[in-house]
N, C-alpha and C. Protein backbone atom coordinates (compact mmCIF):
# COMPACT_ATOMS: atom_id res chain seq x y z
N MET A 1 -85.47 -85.40 90.46
CA MET A 1 -85.03 -86.61 89.86
C MET A 1 -84.34 -87.41 90.93
N SER A 2 -84.63 -88.63 91.10
CA SER A 2 -83.63 -89.39 92.08
C SER A 2 -82.37 -89.94 91.09
N ASP A 3 -81.55 -90.79 91.90
CA ASP A 3 -80.41 -91.17 91.22
C ASP A 3 -80.72 -92.00 89.93
N ILE A 4 -79.72 -91.94 89.07
CA ILE A 4 -80.25 -92.31 87.65
C ILE A 4 -79.56 -93.81 87.72
N ARG A 5 -80.21 -94.78 86.98
CA ARG A 5 -79.79 -96.08 86.88
C ARG A 5 -79.90 -96.53 85.50
N GLU A 6 -79.02 -97.78 85.29
CA GLU A 6 -79.07 -98.09 83.80
C GLU A 6 -80.30 -98.85 83.73
N ASN A 7 -81.00 -99.14 82.57
CA ASN A 7 -82.14 -99.76 82.32
C ASN A 7 -83.40 -99.04 82.80
N GLN A 8 -83.27 -97.90 83.33
CA GLN A 8 -84.38 -97.07 83.95
C GLN A 8 -84.89 -96.22 82.85
N PHE A 9 -86.25 -95.91 82.79
CA PHE A 9 -86.96 -95.15 81.91
C PHE A 9 -87.06 -93.62 82.59
N ILE A 10 -86.81 -92.60 81.90
CA ILE A 10 -87.01 -91.37 82.49
C ILE A 10 -87.64 -90.46 81.43
N THR A 11 -88.38 -89.23 81.82
CA THR A 11 -89.05 -88.46 80.90
C THR A 11 -88.38 -87.21 80.96
N LEU A 12 -87.99 -86.52 79.93
CA LEU A 12 -87.22 -85.32 79.87
C LEU A 12 -88.13 -84.31 78.85
N SER A 13 -88.17 -83.10 79.27
CA SER A 13 -88.89 -82.17 78.35
C SER A 13 -87.77 -81.37 77.47
N ASP A 14 -88.19 -81.30 76.17
CA ASP A 14 -87.29 -80.49 75.31
C ASP A 14 -87.53 -78.97 75.58
N GLU A 15 -86.86 -78.22 74.77
CA GLU A 15 -87.01 -76.67 74.82
C GLU A 15 -88.33 -76.23 74.58
N SER A 16 -89.16 -76.89 73.85
CA SER A 16 -90.74 -76.56 73.66
C SER A 16 -91.55 -77.03 74.69
N GLY A 17 -91.09 -77.84 75.77
CA GLY A 17 -91.96 -78.35 76.88
C GLY A 17 -92.44 -79.69 76.40
N VAL A 18 -92.26 -80.13 75.20
CA VAL A 18 -92.59 -81.51 74.89
C VAL A 18 -91.81 -82.59 75.59
N GLU A 19 -92.59 -83.55 76.27
CA GLU A 19 -91.88 -84.59 76.93
C GLU A 19 -91.67 -85.72 76.04
N HIS A 20 -90.42 -86.32 76.39
CA HIS A 20 -89.88 -87.46 75.56
C HIS A 20 -89.44 -88.57 76.69
N GLU A 21 -89.82 -89.69 76.52
CA GLU A 21 -89.26 -90.93 77.28
C GLU A 21 -87.97 -91.44 76.69
N PHE A 22 -87.01 -91.64 77.49
CA PHE A 22 -85.76 -92.16 77.30
C PHE A 22 -85.36 -93.31 78.21
N GLU A 23 -84.68 -94.31 77.57
CA GLU A 23 -84.07 -95.20 78.30
C GLU A 23 -82.71 -95.03 78.65
N VAL A 24 -82.21 -95.17 80.00
CA VAL A 24 -80.82 -95.14 80.37
C VAL A 24 -80.10 -96.38 79.91
N LEU A 25 -79.35 -96.11 78.88
CA LEU A 25 -78.44 -97.44 78.19
C LEU A 25 -77.35 -97.65 79.23
N GLU A 26 -76.54 -96.57 79.67
CA GLU A 26 -75.37 -96.80 80.43
C GLU A 26 -75.14 -95.51 81.27
N ILE A 27 -74.34 -95.82 82.35
CA ILE A 27 -73.96 -94.83 83.07
C ILE A 27 -72.26 -95.01 83.09
N LEU A 28 -71.64 -93.91 82.87
CA LEU A 28 -70.13 -93.78 82.55
C LEU A 28 -69.66 -92.81 83.52
N ASP A 29 -68.43 -93.35 84.20
CA ASP A 29 -67.68 -92.61 84.88
C ASP A 29 -66.29 -92.33 84.44
N LEU A 30 -66.10 -90.92 84.17
CA LEU A 30 -64.92 -90.71 83.41
C LEU A 30 -64.21 -89.38 83.92
N GLU A 31 -62.95 -89.49 84.30
CA GLU A 31 -62.39 -88.48 84.80
C GLU A 31 -63.23 -87.58 86.05
N GLY A 32 -63.62 -88.53 86.87
CA GLY A 32 -64.32 -87.66 87.90
C GLY A 32 -65.65 -87.28 87.67
N LYS A 33 -66.35 -87.55 86.68
CA LYS A 33 -67.67 -86.97 86.26
C LYS A 33 -68.48 -88.29 85.88
N THR A 34 -69.54 -87.94 85.93
CA THR A 34 -70.64 -89.14 85.60
C THR A 34 -71.61 -88.69 84.33
N TYR A 35 -71.61 -89.71 83.44
CA TYR A 35 -72.44 -89.33 82.21
C TYR A 35 -73.55 -90.50 82.01
N ALA A 36 -74.57 -89.97 81.46
CA ALA A 36 -75.66 -90.98 81.28
C ALA A 36 -75.89 -91.06 79.73
N VAL A 37 -75.79 -92.18 79.08
CA VAL A 37 -76.13 -92.38 77.70
C VAL A 37 -77.54 -92.97 77.67
N LEU A 38 -78.42 -92.11 76.90
CA LEU A 38 -79.74 -92.26 76.78
C LEU A 38 -80.22 -92.45 75.43
N ARG A 39 -81.41 -93.18 75.18
CA ARG A 39 -81.87 -93.43 73.82
C ARG A 39 -83.49 -93.26 74.01
N GLU A 40 -83.94 -92.55 72.99
CA GLU A 40 -85.38 -92.10 73.28
C GLU A 40 -86.02 -93.54 72.76
N SER A 41 -87.14 -93.66 73.54
CA SER A 41 -87.99 -94.98 73.54
C SER A 41 -88.30 -95.51 72.24
N ASP A 42 -88.54 -94.53 71.29
CA ASP A 42 -89.12 -94.92 70.04
C ASP A 42 -87.87 -94.85 68.87
N ALA A 43 -86.74 -94.48 69.33
CA ALA A 43 -85.59 -94.41 68.42
C ALA A 43 -85.00 -95.80 68.38
N GLU A 44 -84.38 -96.10 67.12
CA GLU A 44 -83.61 -97.34 67.11
C GLU A 44 -82.21 -97.47 67.48
N GLU A 45 -81.49 -96.39 67.07
CA GLU A 45 -80.06 -96.40 67.30
C GLU A 45 -79.31 -95.20 67.91
N GLU A 46 -79.83 -94.08 67.70
CA GLU A 46 -79.45 -92.74 68.09
C GLU A 46 -79.40 -92.73 69.55
N ALA A 47 -78.22 -92.23 70.08
CA ALA A 47 -78.19 -92.09 71.61
C ALA A 47 -77.85 -90.65 71.78
N LEU A 48 -77.97 -90.28 73.03
CA LEU A 48 -77.80 -89.02 73.58
C LEU A 48 -76.96 -89.06 74.82
N ILE A 49 -76.01 -88.26 74.89
CA ILE A 49 -75.03 -88.35 76.06
C ILE A 49 -75.21 -87.04 76.92
N LEU A 50 -75.45 -87.23 78.26
CA LEU A 50 -75.63 -86.05 79.00
C LEU A 50 -74.94 -86.08 80.35
N ARG A 51 -74.26 -85.01 80.87
CA ARG A 51 -73.65 -85.18 82.12
C ARG A 51 -74.53 -85.16 83.43
N VAL A 52 -74.36 -86.04 84.26
CA VAL A 52 -75.04 -86.26 85.47
C VAL A 52 -74.48 -85.30 86.60
N GLU A 53 -75.25 -84.30 87.15
CA GLU A 53 -74.77 -83.42 88.10
C GLU A 53 -75.63 -83.71 89.24
N LYS A 54 -74.91 -83.37 90.50
CA LYS A 54 -75.45 -83.73 91.88
C LYS A 54 -76.08 -82.49 92.45
N ASP A 55 -77.05 -82.55 93.30
CA ASP A 55 -77.66 -81.63 94.17
C ASP A 55 -76.83 -81.51 95.44
N ASP A 56 -77.16 -80.53 96.38
CA ASP A 56 -76.40 -80.47 97.69
C ASP A 56 -76.41 -81.45 98.47
N GLN A 57 -77.31 -82.38 98.46
CA GLN A 57 -77.49 -83.47 99.13
C GLN A 57 -76.73 -84.81 98.49
N GLY A 58 -76.12 -84.72 97.22
CA GLY A 58 -75.36 -85.56 96.62
C GLY A 58 -76.19 -86.60 95.83
N ASN A 59 -77.50 -86.35 95.55
CA ASN A 59 -78.60 -86.96 94.71
C ASN A 59 -78.11 -86.60 93.16
N ASP A 60 -78.29 -87.41 92.24
CA ASP A 60 -78.30 -87.20 90.76
C ASP A 60 -79.57 -86.54 90.45
N THR A 61 -79.58 -85.20 90.18
CA THR A 61 -80.80 -84.57 90.03
C THR A 61 -80.81 -83.83 88.68
N VAL A 62 -79.75 -83.68 87.98
CA VAL A 62 -79.78 -82.75 86.76
C VAL A 62 -79.05 -83.40 85.70
N LEU A 63 -79.62 -83.48 84.52
CA LEU A 63 -78.85 -84.02 83.24
C LEU A 63 -78.65 -82.94 82.43
N ALA A 64 -77.20 -82.57 82.27
CA ALA A 64 -76.86 -81.40 81.57
C ALA A 64 -76.20 -81.74 80.24
N THR A 65 -76.58 -80.60 79.32
CA THR A 65 -75.80 -80.96 78.06
C THR A 65 -74.33 -80.70 78.17
N ILE A 66 -73.68 -81.41 77.20
CA ILE A 66 -72.10 -81.14 77.10
C ILE A 66 -71.74 -80.29 76.10
N ASP A 67 -71.39 -79.00 76.49
CA ASP A 67 -71.10 -78.07 75.55
C ASP A 67 -69.56 -77.98 75.05
N ASP A 68 -68.76 -78.69 75.79
CA ASP A 68 -67.29 -78.82 75.37
C ASP A 68 -67.31 -79.88 74.38
N ASP A 69 -66.76 -79.60 73.29
CA ASP A 69 -66.60 -80.63 72.26
C ASP A 69 -65.46 -81.67 72.56
N GLU A 70 -64.48 -81.28 73.27
CA GLU A 70 -63.49 -82.21 73.61
C GLU A 70 -64.01 -83.18 74.77
N GLU A 71 -64.84 -82.67 75.76
CA GLU A 71 -65.31 -83.36 76.80
C GLU A 71 -66.28 -84.43 76.18
N PHE A 72 -67.11 -83.98 75.05
CA PHE A 72 -68.21 -84.88 74.58
C PHE A 72 -67.46 -85.91 73.88
N GLU A 73 -66.39 -85.63 72.99
CA GLU A 73 -65.58 -86.65 72.28
C GLU A 73 -65.09 -87.61 73.14
N LYS A 74 -64.37 -87.24 74.38
CA LYS A 74 -63.81 -88.25 75.22
C LYS A 74 -64.93 -89.35 75.68
N VAL A 75 -66.03 -88.74 76.09
CA VAL A 75 -67.20 -89.46 76.78
C VAL A 75 -67.79 -90.55 75.48
N ALA A 76 -67.87 -90.00 74.24
CA ALA A 76 -68.43 -90.74 73.14
C ALA A 76 -67.37 -91.80 72.89
N GLU A 77 -66.15 -91.59 72.86
CA GLU A 77 -65.08 -92.57 72.63
C GLU A 77 -65.03 -93.71 73.71
N ALA A 78 -65.23 -93.26 74.99
CA ALA A 78 -65.25 -94.29 75.98
C ALA A 78 -66.51 -95.14 75.89
N TYR A 79 -67.51 -94.67 75.45
CA TYR A 79 -68.80 -95.46 75.28
C TYR A 79 -68.61 -96.28 74.14
N ASP A 80 -67.88 -95.86 73.03
CA ASP A 80 -67.78 -96.70 71.77
C ASP A 80 -66.88 -97.89 72.20
N THR A 81 -65.87 -97.44 72.76
CA THR A 81 -64.93 -98.68 73.20
C THR A 81 -65.44 -99.70 74.16
N MET A 82 -66.37 -99.38 74.90
CA MET A 82 -67.16 -100.11 75.83
C MET A 82 -68.09 -101.01 75.04
N LEU A 83 -68.77 -100.48 74.11
CA LEU A 83 -69.62 -101.27 73.45
C LEU A 83 -68.94 -102.14 72.49
N PHE A 84 -67.57 -101.83 71.95
CA PHE A 84 -66.83 -102.59 71.14
C PHE A 84 -66.43 -103.80 71.86
N GLU A 85 -65.89 -103.54 73.15
CA GLU A 85 -65.56 -104.52 74.01
C GLU A 85 -66.60 -105.74 74.41
N GLU A 86 -67.88 -105.17 74.64
CA GLU A 86 -68.88 -106.06 74.94
C GLU A 86 -69.36 -106.91 73.86
N LEU A 87 -69.17 -106.53 72.67
CA LEU A 87 -69.48 -107.33 71.43
C LEU A 87 -68.33 -108.18 71.01
N GLY A 88 -67.25 -108.29 71.85
CA GLY A 88 -66.09 -109.26 71.56
C GLY A 88 -65.23 -108.88 70.73
N GLY A 89 -65.10 -107.47 70.37
CA GLY A 89 -64.34 -106.97 69.33
C GLY A 89 -62.99 -107.01 69.81
N SER A 90 -62.08 -106.87 68.73
CA SER A 90 -60.66 -106.85 68.94
C SER A 90 -60.03 -105.79 68.08
N ASP A 91 -58.85 -105.31 68.61
CA ASP A 91 -58.28 -104.26 67.93
C ASP A 91 -57.28 -104.83 66.73
N LYS A 92 -57.14 -106.08 66.93
CA LYS A 92 -56.23 -106.88 65.98
C LYS A 92 -57.04 -106.93 64.50
N ASP A 93 -56.14 -106.81 63.43
CA ASP A 93 -56.55 -107.05 62.04
C ASP A 93 -56.72 -108.47 61.94
N VAL A 94 -57.82 -108.89 61.20
CA VAL A 94 -57.99 -110.29 60.94
C VAL A 94 -57.69 -110.66 59.49
């Protein structure tokens, strides 16, 4: 896999070997790590967050699941905050 970019479509295989096409919605850098937010092509809203890991040459080659609940929550919160800000949201009560 080459470097991952936003708006790119990639194909991933599940545990059964079935291939699924995903769109890369967002690339997030958080606490020295990179994460990809993906949405399956035929899904409307549900997103998948994976950690991007590099090979020995520094290329983004592996998308890894996030097993640590605390790490996942931090990334999900950062993504939610970014979406909220993009939509013109405010923390102030109306």
